[in-house]
Amino acid sequence: MLVCDYIVESIDGDYANLRRVDKPEEELKLVARALLPENIVEGGRLHYEMLQYTIV
């Protein structure tokens, strides 16, 4: 199962663009904000584990 950290690169309406910390060369991951913690901010860090995102 995938376990990794992301940086919130940008927030655009109902979506956020996330960049993996351990693989910054990969494309940004577009994620619906409904799947993310409510109080995310651009530049913030998220931890992904067991299909859930949490603020680090």
PDB file of N, CA and C in Angstrom:
ATOM      1  N   MET A   1       0.845  -1.179   0.000  1.00  0.00           N
ATOM      2  CA  MET A   1       0.000   0.000   0.000  1.00  0.00           C
ATOM      3  C   MET A   1       0.895   1.249   0.000  1.00  0.00           C
ATOM      4  N   LEU A   2       0.495   2.237  -0.757  1.00  0.00           N
ATOM      5  CA  LEU A   2       1.267   3.468  -0.890  1.00  0.00           C
ATOM      6  C   LEU A   2       1.200   4.307   0.384  1.00  0.00           C
ATOM      7  N   VAL A   3       2.381   4.714   0.852  1.00  0.00           N
ATOM      8  CA  VAL A   3       2.501   5.649   1.975  1.00  0.00           C
ATOM      9  C   VAL A   3       3.502   6.705   1.536  1.00  0.00           C
ATOM     10  N   CYS A   4       3.079   7.981   1.508  1.00  0.00           N
ATOM     11  CA  CYS A   4       3.987   9.041   1.082  1.00  0.00           C
ATOM     12  C   CYS A   4       3.506  10.395   1.585  1.00  0.00           C
ATOM     13  N   ASP A   5       4.346  11.409   1.385  1.00  0.00           N
ATOM     14  CA  ASP A   5       4.015  12.782   1.756  1.00  0.00           C
ATOM     15  C   ASP A   5       3.919  13.629   0.495  1.00  0.00           C
ATOM     16  N   TYR A   6       3.048  14.628   0.554  1.00  0.00           N
ATOM     17  CA  TYR A   6       2.829  15.548  -0.558  1.00  0.00           C
ATOM     18  C   TYR A   6       2.943  16.985  -0.071  1.00  0.00           C
ATOM     19  N   ILE A   7       3.321  17.876  -0.987  1.00  0.00           N
ATOM     20  CA  ILE A   7       3.269  19.316  -0.773  1.00  0.00           C
ATOM     21  C   ILE A   7       2.106  19.845  -1.605  1.00  0.00           C
ATOM     22  N   VAL A   8       1.281  20.699  -1.020  1.00  0.00           N
ATOM     23  CA  VAL A   8       0.176  21.313  -1.756  1.00  0.00           C
ATOM     24  C   VAL A   8       0.773  22.441  -2.600  1.00  0.00           C
ATOM     25  N   GLU A   9       0.889  22.222  -3.895  1.00  0.00           N
ATOM     26  CA  GLU A   9       1.481  23.212  -4.796  1.00  0.00           C
ATOM     27  C   GLU A   9       0.511  24.354  -5.080  1.00  0.00           C
ATOM     28  N   SER A  10      -0.757  24.018  -5.315  1.00  0.00           N
ATOM     29  CA  SER A  10      -1.748  25.055  -5.599  1.00  0.00           C
ATOM     30  C   SER A  10      -3.142  24.522  -5.299  1.00  0.00           C
ATOM     31  N   ILE A  11      -4.041  25.471  -5.045  1.00  0.00           N
ATOM     32  CA  ILE A  11      -5.448  25.154  -4.823  1.00  0.00           C
ATOM     33  C   ILE A  11      -6.238  25.932  -5.864  1.00  0.00           C
ATOM     34  N   ASP A  12      -7.055  25.211  -6.634  1.00  0.00           N
ATOM     35  CA  ASP A  12      -7.823  25.829  -7.708  1.00  0.00           C
ATOM     36  C   ASP A  12      -9.277  25.380  -7.591  1.00  0.00           C
ATOM     37  N   GLY A  13     -10.075  26.182  -6.905  1.00  0.00           N
ATOM     38  CA  GLY A  13     -11.489  25.842  -6.741  1.00  0.00           C
ATOM     39  C   GLY A  13     -11.674  24.582  -5.923  1.00  0.00           C
ATOM     40  N   ASP A  14     -12.283  23.576  -6.534  1.00  0.00           N
ATOM     41  CA  ASP A  14     -12.581  22.321  -5.844  1.00  0.00           C
ATOM     42  C   ASP A  14     -11.455  21.296  -5.933  1.00  0.00           C
ATOM     43  N   TYR A  15     -10.300  21.699  -6.451  1.00  0.00           N
ATOM     44  CA  TYR A  15      -9.185  20.767  -6.635  1.00  0.00           C
ATOM     45  C   TYR A  15      -7.891  21.341  -6.078  1.00  0.00           C
ATOM     46  N   ALA A  16      -6.968  20.440  -5.744  1.00  0.00           N
ATOM     47  CA  ALA A  16      -5.637  20.841  -5.298  1.00  0.00           C
ATOM     48  C   ALA A  16      -4.608  20.042  -6.092  1.00  0.00           C
ATOM     49  N   ASN A  17      -3.497  20.688  -6.421  1.00  0.00           N
ATOM     50  CA  ASN A  17      -2.387  20.032  -7.099  1.00  0.00           C
ATOM     51  C   ASN A  17      -1.343  19.667  -6.060  1.00  0.00           C
ATOM     52  N   LEU A  18      -1.019  18.372  -5.996  1.00  0.00           N
ATOM     53  CA  LEU A  18      -0.083  17.875  -4.998  1.00  0.00           C
ATOM     54  C   LEU A  18       1.186  17.361  -5.667  1.00  0.00           C
ATOM     55  N   ARG A  19       2.338  17.610  -5.019  1.00  0.00           N
ATOM     56  CA  ARG A  19       3.630  17.104  -5.504  1.00  0.00           C
ATOM     57  C   ARG A  19       4.211  16.168  -4.457  1.00  0.00           C
ATOM     58  N   ARG A  20       4.615  14.981  -4.884  1.00  0.00           N
ATOM     59  CA  ARG A  20       5.232  14.025  -3.957  1.00  0.00           C
ATOM     60  C   ARG A  20       6.570  14.551  -3.480  1.00  0.00           C
ATOM     61  N   VAL A  21       6.814  14.443  -2.201  1.00  0.00           N
ATOM     62  CA  VAL A  21       8.064  14.922  -1.613  1.00  0.00           C
ATOM     63  C   VAL A  21       9.234  14.050  -2.062  1.00  0.00           C
ATOM     64  N   ASP A  22       9.042  12.741  -2.107  1.00  0.00           N
ATOM     65  CA  ASP A  22      10.132  11.821  -2.443  1.00  0.00           C
ATOM     66  C   ASP A  22      10.371  11.674  -3.946  1.00  0.00           C
ATOM     67  N   LYS A  23       9.451  12.154  -4.776  1.00  0.00           N
ATOM     68  CA  LYS A  23       9.598  12.080  -6.237  1.00  0.00           C
ATOM     69  C   LYS A  23       9.143  13.394  -6.865  1.00  0.00           C
ATOM     70  N   PRO A  24       9.870  14.489  -6.623  1.00  0.00           N
ATOM     71  CA  PRO A  24       9.432  15.806  -7.107  1.00  0.00           C
ATOM     72  C   PRO A  24       9.418  15.938  -8.632  1.00  0.00           C
ATOM     73  N   GLU A  25      10.104  15.030  -9.329  1.00  0.00           N
ATOM     74  CA  GLU A  25      10.138  15.109 -10.790  1.00  0.00           C
ATOM     75  C   GLU A  25       8.856  14.578 -11.430  1.00  0.00           C
ATOM     76  N   GLU A  26       8.028  13.866 -10.691  1.00  0.00           N
ATOM     77  CA  GLU A  26       6.776  13.341 -11.232  1.00  0.00           C
ATOM     78  C   GLU A  26       5.765  14.466 -11.460  1.00  0.00           C
ATOM     79  N   GLU A  27       4.774  14.180 -12.293  1.00  0.00           N
ATOM     80  CA  GLU A  27       3.704  15.151 -12.549  1.00  0.00           C
ATOM     81  C   GLU A  27       2.923  15.424 -11.276  1.00  0.00           C
ATOM     82  N   LEU A  28       2.300  16.593 -11.234  1.00  0.00           N
ATOM     83  CA  LEU A  28       1.446  16.922 -10.098  1.00  0.00           C
ATOM     84  C   LEU A  28       0.235  15.999 -10.084  1.00  0.00           C
ATOM     85  N   LYS A  29      -0.252  15.707  -8.896  1.00  0.00           N
ATOM     86  CA  LYS A  29      -1.440  14.871  -8.730  1.00  0.00           C
ATOM     87  C   LYS A  29      -2.619  15.788  -8.438  1.00  0.00           C
ATOM     88  N   LEU A  30      -3.646  15.728  -9.263  1.00  0.00           N
ATOM     89  CA  LEU A  30      -4.847  16.534  -9.088  1.00  0.00           C
ATOM     90  C   LEU A  30      -5.826  15.765  -8.204  1.00  0.00           C
ATOM     91  N   VAL A  31      -6.188  16.359  -7.060  1.00  0.00           N
ATOM     92  CA  VAL A  31      -7.045  15.682  -6.084  1.00  0.00           C
ATOM     93  C   VAL A  31      -8.219  16.591  -5.738  1.00  0.00           C
ATOM     94  N   ALA A  32      -9.410  16.024  -5.699  1.00  0.00           N
ATOM     95  CA  ALA A  32     -10.602  16.781  -5.297  1.00  0.00           C
ATOM     96  C   ALA A  32     -10.457  17.198  -3.836  1.00  0.00           C
ATOM     97  N   ARG A  33     -10.780  18.449  -3.539  1.00  0.00           N
ATOM     98  CA  ARG A  33     -10.651  18.957  -2.167  1.00  0.00           C
ATOM     99  C   ARG A  33     -11.559  18.227  -1.197  1.00  0.00           C
ATOM    100  N   ALA A  34     -12.619  17.617  -1.682  1.00  0.00           N
ATOM    101  CA  ALA A  34     -13.507  16.846  -0.809  1.00  0.00           C
ATOM    102  C   ALA A  34     -12.781  15.659  -0.173  1.00  0.00           C
ATOM    103  N   LEU A  35     -11.685  15.211  -0.792  1.00  0.00           N
ATOM    104  CA  LEU A  35     -10.909  14.087  -0.259  1.00  0.00           C
ATOM    105  C   LEU A  35      -9.801  14.534   0.689  1.00  0.00           C
ATOM    106  N   LEU A  36      -9.586  15.842   0.791  1.00  0.00           N
ATOM    107  CA  LEU A  36      -8.483  16.390   1.583  1.00  0.00           C
ATOM    108  C   LEU A  36      -8.996  17.024   2.871  1.00  0.00           C
ATOM    109  N   PRO A  37      -8.107  17.195   3.855  1.00  0.00           N
ATOM    110  CA  PRO A  37      -8.523  17.905   5.071  1.00  0.00           C
ATOM    111  C   PRO A  37      -9.035  19.300   4.727  1.00  0.00           C
ATOM    112  N   GLU A  38      -9.999  19.772   5.477  1.00  0.00           N
ATOM    113  CA  GLU A  38     -10.683  21.029   5.179  1.00  0.00           C
ATOM    114  C   GLU A  38      -9.760  22.246   5.196  1.00  0.00           C
ATOM    115  N   ASN A  39      -8.792  22.281   6.081  1.00  0.00           N
ATOM    116  CA  ASN A  39      -7.977  23.484   6.287  1.00  0.00           C
ATOM    117  C   ASN A  39      -6.597  23.410   5.633  1.00  0.00           C
ATOM    118  N   ILE A  40      -6.500  22.810   4.438  1.00  0.00           N
ATOM    119  CA  ILE A  40      -5.217  22.783   3.738  1.00  0.00           C
ATOM    120  C   ILE A  40      -4.880  24.180   3.219  1.00  0.00           C
ATOM    121  N   VAL A  41      -3.584  24.437   3.046  1.00  0.00           N
ATOM    122  CA  VAL A  41      -3.109  25.706   2.497  1.00  0.00           C
ATOM    123  C   VAL A  41      -2.026  25.410   1.467  1.00  0.00           C
ATOM    124  N   GLU A  42      -1.837  26.328   0.522  1.00  0.00           N
ATOM    125  CA  GLU A  42      -0.763  26.170  -0.451  1.00  0.00           C
ATOM    126  C   GLU A  42       0.567  26.167   0.284  1.00  0.00           C
ATOM    127  N   GLY A  43       1.428  25.233  -0.086  1.00  0.00           N
ATOM    128  CA  GLY A  43       2.718  25.087   0.578  1.00  0.00           C
ATOM    129  C   GLY A  43       2.667  24.152   1.772  1.00  0.00           C
ATOM    130  N   GLY A  44       1.462  23.727   2.148  1.00  0.00           N
ATOM    131  CA  GLY A  44       1.307  22.814   3.281  1.00  0.00           C
ATOM    132  C   GLY A  44       1.725  21.400   2.914  1.00  0.00           C
ATOM    133  N   ARG A  45       1.941  20.601   3.926  1.00  0.00           N
ATOM    134  CA  ARG A  45       2.390  19.222   3.727  1.00  0.00           C
ATOM    135  C   ARG A  45       1.297  18.258   4.177  1.00  0.00           C
ATOM    136  N   LEU A  46       1.083  17.220   3.356  1.00  0.00           N
ATOM    137  CA  LEU A  46       0.078  16.201   3.646  1.00  0.00           C
ATOM    138  C   LEU A  46       0.732  14.826   3.685  1.00  0.00           C
ATOM    139  N   HIS A  47       0.229  13.969   4.550  1.00  0.00           N
ATOM    140  CA  HIS A  47       0.670  12.577   4.617  1.00  0.00           C
ATOM    141  C   HIS A  47      -0.459  11.714   4.070  1.00  0.00           C
ATOM    142  N   TYR A  48      -0.112  10.778   3.178  1.00  0.00           N
ATOM    143  CA  TYR A  48      -1.101   9.885   2.573  1.00  0.00           C
ATOM    144  C   TYR A  48      -0.833   8.459   3.027  1.00  0.00           C
ATOM    145  N   GLU A  49      -1.854   7.845   3.618  1.00  0.00           N
ATOM    146  CA  GLU A  49      -1.740   6.460   4.065  1.00  0.00           C
ATOM    147  C   GLU A  49      -3.139   5.868   4.190  1.00  0.00           C
ATOM    148  N   MET A  50      -3.298   4.642   3.725  1.00  0.00           N
ATOM    149  CA  MET A  50      -4.576   3.924   3.795  1.00  0.00           C
ATOM    150  C   MET A  50      -5.729   4.752   3.215  1.00  0.00           C
ATOM    151  N   LEU A  51      -5.491   5.341   2.046  1.00  0.00           N
ATOM    152  CA  LEU A  51      -6.485   6.107   1.292  1.00  0.00           C
ATOM    153  C   LEU A  51      -6.960   7.368   2.005  1.00  0.00           C
ATOM    154  N   GLN A  52      -6.169   7.892   2.954  1.00  0.00           N
ATOM    155  CA  GLN A  52      -6.530   9.108   3.672  1.00  0.00           C
ATOM    156  C   GLN A  52      -5.364  10.083   3.684  1.00  0.00           C
ATOM    157  N   TYR A  53      -5.705  11.368   3.593  1.00  0.00           N
ATOM    158  CA  TYR A  53      -4.721  12.443   3.684  1.00  0.00           C
ATOM    159  C   TYR A  53      -4.848  13.110   5.052  1.00  0.00           C
ATOM    160  N   THR A  54      -3.709  13.371   5.691  1.00  0.00           N
ATOM    161  CA  THR A  54      -3.703  14.105   6.956  1.00  0.00           C
ATOM    162  C   THR A  54      -2.658  15.204   6.871  1.00  0.00           C
ATOM    163  N   ILE A  55      -2.897  16.302   7.575  1.00  0.00           N
ATOM    164  CA  ILE A  55      -1.951  17.417   7.594  1.00  0.00           C
ATOM    165  C   ILE A  55      -0.789  17.063   8.507  1.00  0.00           C
ATOM    166  N   VAL A  56       0.414  17.345   8.027  1.00  0.00           N
ATOM    167  CA  VAL A  56       1.628  17.083   8.817  1.00  0.00           C
ATOM    168  C   VAL A  56       2.094  18.382   9.427  1.00  0.00           C
TER     169      VAL A  56
END
